[in-house]
Amino acid sequence: MDATSSPSTWSNLAVDYFRLAGPLVRMLDPEAAHGLTLRALKMGLVPGQPKGDDPVLAQRLWGRDFANPVGLAAGFDKNAEVPDAMLAQGFGFVEIGSVTPRPQPGNPKPRLFRLSEDGAVLNRMGFNNEGLDAVAARLKARKRVGIVGANLGKNKETEDAASDYEKGVAALAPLADYIVVNVSSPNTPGLRALQGREPLAELIGRVRRALDAAVRENTPPLLLKIAPDLTEEDKRDIAQVALEGRLDGMIVSNTTITRPNVSSPLAKETGGLSGRPLFALSTQVLGDMYRLTDGRLTMVGVGGISSGAEAYAKIRAGASLVQLYSALVYAGPGLVTRIKAELAQALKRDGFETISQAIGADHR
């Protein structure tokens, strides 16, 4: 496969590759399958995509050029092992993490479940990762080509949560294109309580100061990742704190502890639900946050995206960028190319010359 191959040709190759490998991989335990996928990517066994995206998908955000708005959500590459291999799959950006200051084993296994009949994934991983030192070393060793963000978490037993995020900023802000404060995972006790108005304001203030101290020029943007399970008062409080705390954007949303339209018996397992059932809820919260912040913050829409139409719906609801992860489990790497093609077609069909013109269109 050379650089002159068309996107459709590459997509067909990726589909064929996944048609052969996918069923075999899905016979494995989900976490074992994920580990095998990471090893295959590190060994260069997954076909890459030729460069070149439709110009209608390009935009400049935070002083950075995004060739396309489709990103890889945090959770896939927790330890920054394959960010460049995933960029080669056609993503416009990749987010590594969540990373905690100290290595953390996470929750007992099993902790990852496929809800195949629902097109969903349920996890209670618990921020398992190798810690800041290992992740920083990998990011430092890579060439700074392509947009890679870092998602920060806290260690389970840390009482002063903000101190863990400050450590994360100090270690990774000089090495990442953007920083995410993740206070919305349902799998770390007490973490979501940080979304309350007062604790969130204190946290964002401390992280903002740490970020400004860590990188004094071309400071990476600071984003907050929130849960979809919020009251209307929660949303208003978060919006106000975000604007007052000089946040640059929000990622909406993390997994849900609810079980909307889920039929699998595995739904009884505890943890956060992602994938197709999350789409409507996460898109509603995205639109609410865009409206509550008057479109002044860059929004990243996450949750249930498995087609260009769903990516387009997120953009019209207020997202400048979108992310996916769970859909890759069922559709494989060819999905990224398909989503980009369908998204470009939808934009042109509705008369948009650039993706920027479509952001928040449903609010106008």
Protein backbone atom coordinates (compact mmCIF):
# COMPACT_ATOMS: atom_id res chain seq x y z
CA MET A 1 0.00 0.00 0.00
CA ASP A 2 1.67 3.25 -1.10
CA ALA A 3 0.98 6.90 -0.50
CA THR A 4 -0.88 7.21 -3.83
CA SER A 5 -3.53 4.68 -2.87
CA SER A 6 -7.02 6.15 -2.60
CA PRO A 7 -8.87 6.37 0.71
CA SER A 8 -11.52 3.99 -0.63
CA THR A 9 -8.87 1.44 -1.55
CA TRP A 10 -7.28 1.74 1.89
CA SER A 11 -10.68 1.46 3.55
CA ASN A 12 -11.43 -1.74 1.63
CA LEU A 13 -8.07 -3.17 2.69
CA ALA A 14 -8.71 -2.26 6.31
CA VAL A 15 -12.17 -3.82 6.16
CA ASP A 16 -10.74 -7.03 4.68
CA TYR A 17 -8.02 -7.08 7.33
CA PHE A 18 -10.55 -6.64 10.12
CA ARG A 19 -12.96 -9.16 8.59
CA LEU A 20 -10.23 -11.77 8.95
CA ALA A 21 -8.67 -10.69 12.24
CA GLY A 22 -11.70 -9.25 14.03
CA PRO A 23 -13.59 -12.49 14.79
CA LEU A 24 -10.40 -14.11 16.06
CA VAL A 25 -9.59 -11.19 18.31
CA ARG A 26 -13.15 -11.08 19.67
CA MET A 27 -12.84 -14.70 20.75
CA LEU A 28 -10.38 -13.48 23.38
CA ASP A 29 -11.19 -11.86 26.70
CA PRO A 30 -11.76 -8.13 25.93
CA GLU A 31 -8.76 -6.93 27.90
CA ALA A 32 -6.51 -9.61 26.39
CA ALA A 33 -7.77 -8.64 22.92
CA HIS A 34 -6.94 -5.02 23.62
CA GLY A 35 -3.41 -5.95 24.68
CA LEU A 36 -2.98 -8.00 21.50
CA THR A 37 -4.15 -5.04 19.41
CA LEU A 38 -1.59 -2.75 21.07
CA ARG A 39 1.18 -5.27 20.36
CA ALA A 40 0.11 -5.56 16.71
CA LEU A 41 0.18 -1.79 16.35
CA LYS A 42 3.63 -1.55 17.95
CA MET A 43 4.92 -4.22 15.57
CA GLY A 44 3.51 -2.44 12.53
CA LEU A 45 1.11 -5.27 11.66
CA VAL A 46 -1.96 -3.05 11.22
CA PRO A 47 -2.19 -1.44 7.75
CA GLY A 48 -1.76 2.33 7.79
CA GLN A 49 -3.70 4.93 5.84
CA PRO A 50 -2.30 7.13 3.07
CA LYS A 51 -2.16 10.79 4.03
CA GLY A 52 -4.63 13.32 2.77
CA ASP A 53 -8.04 14.43 4.06
CA ASP A 54 -10.78 16.36 2.33
CA PRO A 55 -9.98 20.09 2.84
CA VAL A 56 -13.55 20.70 4.09
CA LEU A 57 -12.57 18.84 7.28
CA ALA A 58 -9.59 21.06 8.13
CA GLN A 59 -9.64 23.72 10.84
CA ARG A 60 -7.30 25.61 13.15
CA LEU A 61 -7.99 25.44 16.89
CA TRP A 62 -5.85 26.66 19.78
CA GLY A 63 -3.16 27.66 17.27
CA ARG A 64 -2.95 24.06 16.02
CA ASP A 65 -3.91 22.72 12.61
CA PHE A 66 -6.29 19.75 12.56
CA ALA A 67 -6.43 18.00 9.19
CA ASN A 68 -9.67 16.37 10.26
CA PRO A 69 -11.84 16.51 13.43
CA VAL A 70 -11.98 12.77 14.20
CA GLY A 71 -9.89 11.85 17.24
CA LEU A 72 -9.13 8.77 19.29
CA ALA A 73 -10.61 9.03 22.78
CA ALA A 74 -8.63 8.41 25.95
CA GLY A 75 -8.63 4.85 27.25
CA PHE A 76 -7.33 3.08 24.17
CA ASP A 77 -3.69 4.10 24.62
CA LYS A 78 -3.39 4.67 28.35
CA ASN A 79 0.41 4.54 28.43
CA ALA A 80 1.32 6.40 25.22
CA GLU A 81 2.53 3.23 23.57
CA VAL A 82 1.03 3.76 20.09
CA PRO A 83 0.00 7.40 19.51
CA ASP A 84 1.80 7.61 16.18
CA ALA A 85 0.51 4.24 15.01
CA MET A 86 -3.03 5.47 15.70
CA LEU A 87 -2.42 8.76 13.93
CA ALA A 88 -1.43 6.61 10.97
CA GLN A 89 -4.92 5.07 11.07
CA GLY A 90 -6.30 8.41 9.90
CA PHE A 91 -7.18 10.10 13.17
CA GLY A 92 -6.83 13.88 13.22
CA PHE A 93 -5.57 13.69 16.80
CA VAL A 94 -4.98 11.12 19.53
CA GLU A 95 -5.51 11.39 23.29
CA ILE A 96 -3.41 9.22 25.59
CA GLY A 97 -4.26 8.31 29.20
CA SER A 98 -5.77 8.61 31.66
CA VAL A 99 -2.43 8.89 33.45
CA THR A 100 -1.97 9.10 37.22
CA PRO A 101 1.20 10.29 38.98
CA ARG A 102 2.05 6.83 40.36
CA PRO A 103 1.62 3.52 38.54
CA GLN A 104 -1.72 1.98 39.38
CA PRO A 105 -3.00 -1.56 38.73
CA GLY A 106 -6.65 -0.58 38.55
CA ASN A 107 -9.62 -2.62 39.65
CA PRO A 108 -9.75 -6.44 39.84
CA LYS A 109 -10.45 -8.37 36.65
CA PRO A 110 -12.74 -8.94 34.86
CA ARG A 111 -13.29 -5.23 34.37
CA LEU A 112 -13.98 -4.84 30.64
CA PHE A 113 -17.06 -6.24 28.89
CA ARG A 114 -18.39 -6.28 25.33
CA LEU A 115 -22.14 -5.76 25.04
CA SER A 116 -22.18 -6.88 21.43
CA GLU A 117 -25.94 -6.86 20.88
CA ASP A 118 -25.99 -3.22 21.98
CA GLY A 119 -22.87 -2.05 20.17
CA ALA A 120 -21.56 -1.04 23.58
CA VAL A 121 -18.66 -1.53 25.96
CA LEU A 122 -18.79 -1.49 29.74
CA ASN A 123 -15.68 -0.92 31.84
CA ARG A 124 -14.58 -0.46 35.41
CA MET A 125 -10.86 -0.30 34.70
CA GLY A 126 -10.00 2.12 37.53
CA PHE A 127 -7.28 4.23 35.88
CA ASN A 128 -4.89 1.32 35.36
CA ASN A 129 -1.70 2.80 33.92
CA GLU A 130 2.10 2.84 34.24
CA GLY A 131 2.33 6.31 35.77
CA LEU A 132 3.74 9.66 34.74
CA ASP A 133 7.41 8.67 34.49
CA ALA A 134 6.81 5.91 31.94
CA VAL A 135 4.36 7.96 29.88
CA ALA A 136 6.54 11.09 29.90
CA ALA A 137 9.52 9.05 28.70
CA ARG A 138 7.55 7.73 25.73
CA LEU A 139 6.17 11.13 24.78
CA LYS A 140 9.61 12.68 25.06
CA ALA A 141 11.08 10.03 22.76
CA ARG A 142 8.58 10.55 19.93
CA LYS A 143 8.87 13.13 17.19
CA ARG A 144 6.36 15.93 17.69
CA VAL A 145 4.46 15.15 14.50
CA GLY A 146 0.69 15.00 14.74
CA ILE A 147 -1.55 16.24 17.53
CA VAL A 148 -1.39 14.20 20.75
CA GLY A 149 -3.20 15.23 23.93
CA ALA A 150 -2.71 13.93 27.48
CA ASN A 151 -5.59 12.97 29.76
CA LEU A 152 -4.81 13.27 33.47
CA GLY A 153 -6.35 11.40 36.41
CA LYS A 154 -5.71 10.99 40.11
CA ASN A 155 -4.45 8.02 42.08
CA LYS A 156 -7.20 6.22 43.96
CA GLU A 157 -5.80 6.88 47.43
CA THR A 158 -4.79 10.53 46.92
CA GLU A 159 -6.82 12.82 49.17
CA ASP A 160 -5.65 16.13 47.71
CA ALA A 161 -6.86 15.45 44.17
CA ALA A 162 -5.59 18.74 42.77
CA SER A 163 -2.03 17.85 43.73
CA ASP A 164 -2.14 14.82 41.43
CA TYR A 165 -3.38 16.92 38.52
CA GLU A 166 -0.67 19.50 39.22
CA LYS A 167 1.94 16.74 39.02
CA GLY A 168 0.45 15.52 35.78
CA VAL A 169 0.58 18.98 34.27
CA ALA A 170 4.20 19.51 35.32
CA ALA A 171 5.26 16.22 33.73
CA LEU A 172 3.21 16.13 30.53
CA ALA A 173 2.28 19.69 29.55
CA PRO A 174 5.67 20.32 27.92
CA LEU A 175 5.20 17.14 25.85
CA ALA A 176 1.53 17.29 24.83
CA ASP A 177 -0.54 19.39 22.44
CA TYR A 178 -3.38 19.73 24.93
CA ILE A 179 -4.13 18.71 28.51
CA VAL A 180 -7.34 17.14 29.83
CA VAL A 181 -8.46 17.14 33.45
CA ASN A 182 -10.57 14.00 33.82
CA VAL A 183 -12.95 14.30 36.77
CA SER A 184 -15.69 12.16 35.27
CA SER A 185 -14.68 8.51 35.36
CA PRO A 186 -17.19 6.52 37.42
CA ASN A 187 -14.53 3.98 38.40
CA THR A 188 -12.49 6.01 40.91
CA PRO A 189 -14.33 6.56 44.21
CA GLY A 190 -15.23 10.20 44.79
CA LEU A 191 -13.84 11.43 41.48
CA ARG A 192 -17.11 12.69 40.05
CA ALA A 193 -17.70 14.74 43.20
CA LEU A 194 -14.97 17.05 41.86
CA GLN A 195 -17.51 18.26 39.30
CA GLY A 196 -19.31 20.19 42.06
CA ARG A 197 -19.03 23.97 41.76
CA GLU A 198 -16.69 24.74 44.66
CA PRO A 199 -14.30 21.76 44.37
CA LEU A 200 -14.18 22.19 40.59
CA ALA A 201 -13.36 25.90 40.83
CA GLU A 202 -10.51 25.19 43.23
CA LEU A 203 -9.21 22.33 41.10
CA ILE A 204 -9.29 24.27 37.83
CA GLY A 205 -7.63 27.27 39.47
CA ARG A 206 -4.74 25.18 40.77
CA VAL A 207 -4.31 23.28 37.51
CA ARG A 208 -4.42 26.50 35.48
CA ARG A 209 -1.65 28.01 37.59
CA ALA A 210 0.42 24.81 37.32
CA LEU A 211 -0.02 24.80 33.54
CA ASP A 212 1.02 28.42 33.15
CA ALA A 213 4.12 27.70 35.24
CA ALA A 214 5.01 24.50 33.35
CA VAL A 215 4.86 26.00 29.84
CA ARG A 216 5.28 29.74 29.58
CA GLU A 217 5.16 30.04 25.78
CA ASN A 218 2.68 28.33 23.45
CA THR A 219 0.93 26.90 26.51
CA PRO A 220 -1.16 23.86 25.57
CA PRO A 221 -4.93 24.33 25.90
CA LEU A 222 -6.61 23.07 29.06
CA LEU A 223 -9.76 20.97 28.73
CA LEU A 224 -12.17 19.44 31.23
CA LYS A 225 -13.78 16.04 30.63
CA ILE A 226 -17.23 15.78 32.19
CA ALA A 227 -19.78 13.05 32.82
CA PRO A 228 -23.10 12.74 30.99
CA ASP A 229 -24.95 12.03 34.24
CA LEU A 230 -25.46 15.62 35.36
CA THR A 231 -28.40 17.59 36.72
CA GLU A 232 -29.37 20.87 35.11
CA GLU A 233 -27.83 22.68 38.08
CA ASP A 234 -24.60 20.70 37.65
CA LYS A 235 -24.41 21.78 34.02
CA ARG A 236 -24.93 25.45 34.86
CA ASP A 237 -22.29 25.33 37.61
CA ILE A 238 -19.74 23.59 35.39
CA ALA A 239 -20.34 26.08 32.59
CA GLN A 240 -19.79 29.03 34.92
CA VAL A 241 -16.63 27.53 36.44
CA ALA A 242 -15.31 26.70 32.99
CA LEU A 243 -15.69 30.27 31.79
CA GLU A 244 -14.37 31.86 34.97
CA GLY A 245 -11.49 29.37 35.29
CA ARG A 246 -10.03 30.12 31.85
CA LEU A 247 -10.64 26.68 30.44
CA ASP A 248 -10.01 26.33 26.72
CA GLY A 249 -12.51 23.58 26.09
CA MET A 250 -14.57 20.65 27.32
CA ILE A 251 -14.79 17.00 26.38
CA VAL A 252 -18.41 15.85 26.52
CA SER A 253 -18.74 13.19 27.66
CA ASN A 254 -17.26 10.32 29.62
CA THR A 255 -19.09 7.01 30.13
CA THR A 256 -22.48 6.79 31.83
CA ILE A 257 -23.52 4.90 34.94
CA THR A 258 -27.05 4.66 33.52
CA ARG A 259 -28.12 1.92 31.11
CA PRO A 260 -30.15 3.61 28.34
CA ASN A 261 -31.69 1.17 25.85
CA VAL A 262 -29.40 -1.71 26.78
CA SER A 263 -30.54 -5.32 26.43
CA SER A 264 -27.38 -7.31 27.21
CA PRO A 265 -27.39 -9.24 30.50
CA LEU A 266 -23.91 -7.83 31.07
CA ALA A 267 -25.55 -4.45 31.71
CA LYS A 268 -25.89 -5.52 35.35
CA GLU A 269 -22.15 -5.22 35.78
CA THR A 270 -20.96 -2.07 37.54
CA GLY A 271 -18.95 0.48 35.61
CA GLY A 272 -19.26 3.04 32.87
CA LEU A 273 -21.14 2.36 29.64
CA SER A 274 -19.88 3.60 26.28
CA GLY A 275 -20.79 2.99 22.67
CA ARG A 276 -24.07 3.25 20.77
CA PRO A 277 -26.45 3.57 23.77
CA LEU A 278 -24.54 6.65 24.97
CA PHE A 279 -25.03 8.67 21.78
CA ALA A 280 -28.30 10.45 22.52
CA LEU A 281 -27.46 11.29 26.14
CA SER A 282 -23.94 12.55 25.42
CA THR A 283 -25.12 14.62 22.44
CA GLN A 284 -27.84 16.24 24.55
CA VAL A 285 -25.32 17.20 27.24
CA LEU A 286 -22.94 18.48 24.56
CA GLY A 287 -25.62 20.78 23.18
CA ASP A 288 -26.50 21.98 26.66
CA MET A 289 -22.87 22.84 27.48
CA TYR A 290 -22.40 24.65 24.16
CA ARG A 291 -25.48 26.73 24.87
CA LEU A 292 -24.59 27.41 28.51
CA THR A 293 -21.12 28.63 27.52
CA ASP A 294 -22.47 30.71 24.61
CA GLY A 295 -20.23 28.81 22.21
CA ARG A 296 -17.16 30.44 23.76
CA LEU A 297 -15.33 27.18 24.53
CA THR A 298 -14.11 24.56 22.09
CA MET A 299 -16.21 21.43 22.58
CA VAL A 300 -15.09 17.87 21.86
CA GLY A 301 -18.02 15.53 21.33
CA VAL A 302 -17.63 11.94 22.49
CA GLY A 303 -20.05 9.09 22.97
CA GLY A 304 -21.62 6.60 20.58
CA ILE A 305 -20.07 7.75 17.30
CA SER A 306 -19.93 4.99 14.70
CA SER A 307 -20.80 6.87 11.49
CA GLY A 308 -20.28 10.14 9.72
CA ALA A 309 -23.89 11.07 10.41
CA GLU A 310 -23.33 10.74 14.15
CA ALA A 311 -20.10 12.75 13.97
CA TYR A 312 -22.01 15.42 12.02
CA ALA A 313 -24.76 15.48 14.65
CA LYS A 314 -22.16 16.17 17.34
CA ILE A 315 -20.71 19.02 15.28
CA ARG A 316 -24.10 20.59 14.67
CA ALA A 317 -24.75 20.29 18.41
CA GLY A 318 -21.63 22.34 19.14
CA ALA A 319 -18.55 20.13 18.82
CA SER A 320 -15.51 21.41 16.97
CA LEU A 321 -13.87 18.00 17.32
CA VAL A 322 -15.18 14.50 17.95
CA GLN A 323 -13.67 11.36 19.45
CA LEU A 324 -14.44 7.66 19.33
CA TYR A 325 -13.13 4.42 20.76
CA SER A 326 -15.82 1.79 21.45
CA ALA A 327 -16.98 1.59 17.83
CA LEU A 328 -13.51 0.41 16.80
CA VAL A 329 -14.14 -2.79 18.76
CA TYR A 330 -16.92 -3.73 16.36
CA ALA A 331 -16.02 -1.99 13.09
CA GLY A 332 -12.22 -2.03 13.05
CA PRO A 333 -9.76 0.55 11.71
CA GLY A 334 -11.58 1.11 8.40
CA LEU A 335 -14.23 2.98 10.36
CA VAL A 336 -12.11 6.13 10.64
CA THR A 337 -11.82 6.58 6.88
CA ARG A 338 -15.53 5.88 6.41
CA ILE A 339 -16.56 8.42 9.03
CA LYS A 340 -14.40 11.12 7.48
CA ALA A 341 -15.80 10.48 4.00
CA GLU A 342 -19.41 10.50 5.24
CA LEU A 343 -18.80 13.63 7.29
CA ALA A 344 -17.29 15.51 4.35
CA GLN A 345 -20.24 14.47 2.20
CA ALA A 346 -22.76 15.69 4.80
CA LEU A 347 -21.04 19.06 5.13
CA LYS A 348 -21.05 19.64 1.38
CA ARG A 349 -24.63 18.42 1.03
CA ASP A 350 -25.76 21.09 3.48
CA GLY A 351 -23.78 23.85 1.80
CA PHE A 352 -20.93 24.22 4.29
CA GLU A 353 -17.60 25.15 2.73
CA THR A 354 -15.68 24.42 5.94
CA ILE A 355 -16.40 22.37 9.03
CA SER A 356 -16.13 25.53 11.14
CA GLN A 357 -19.32 26.86 9.54
CA ALA A 358 -21.28 23.83 10.78
CA ILE A 359 -20.25 23.99 14.44
CA GLY A 360 -23.32 24.66 16.58
CA ALA A 361 -25.60 24.94 13.54
CA ASP A 362 -28.50 23.44 15.45
CA HIS A 363 -28.45 26.40 17.85
CA ARG A 364 -28.84 29.03 15.15
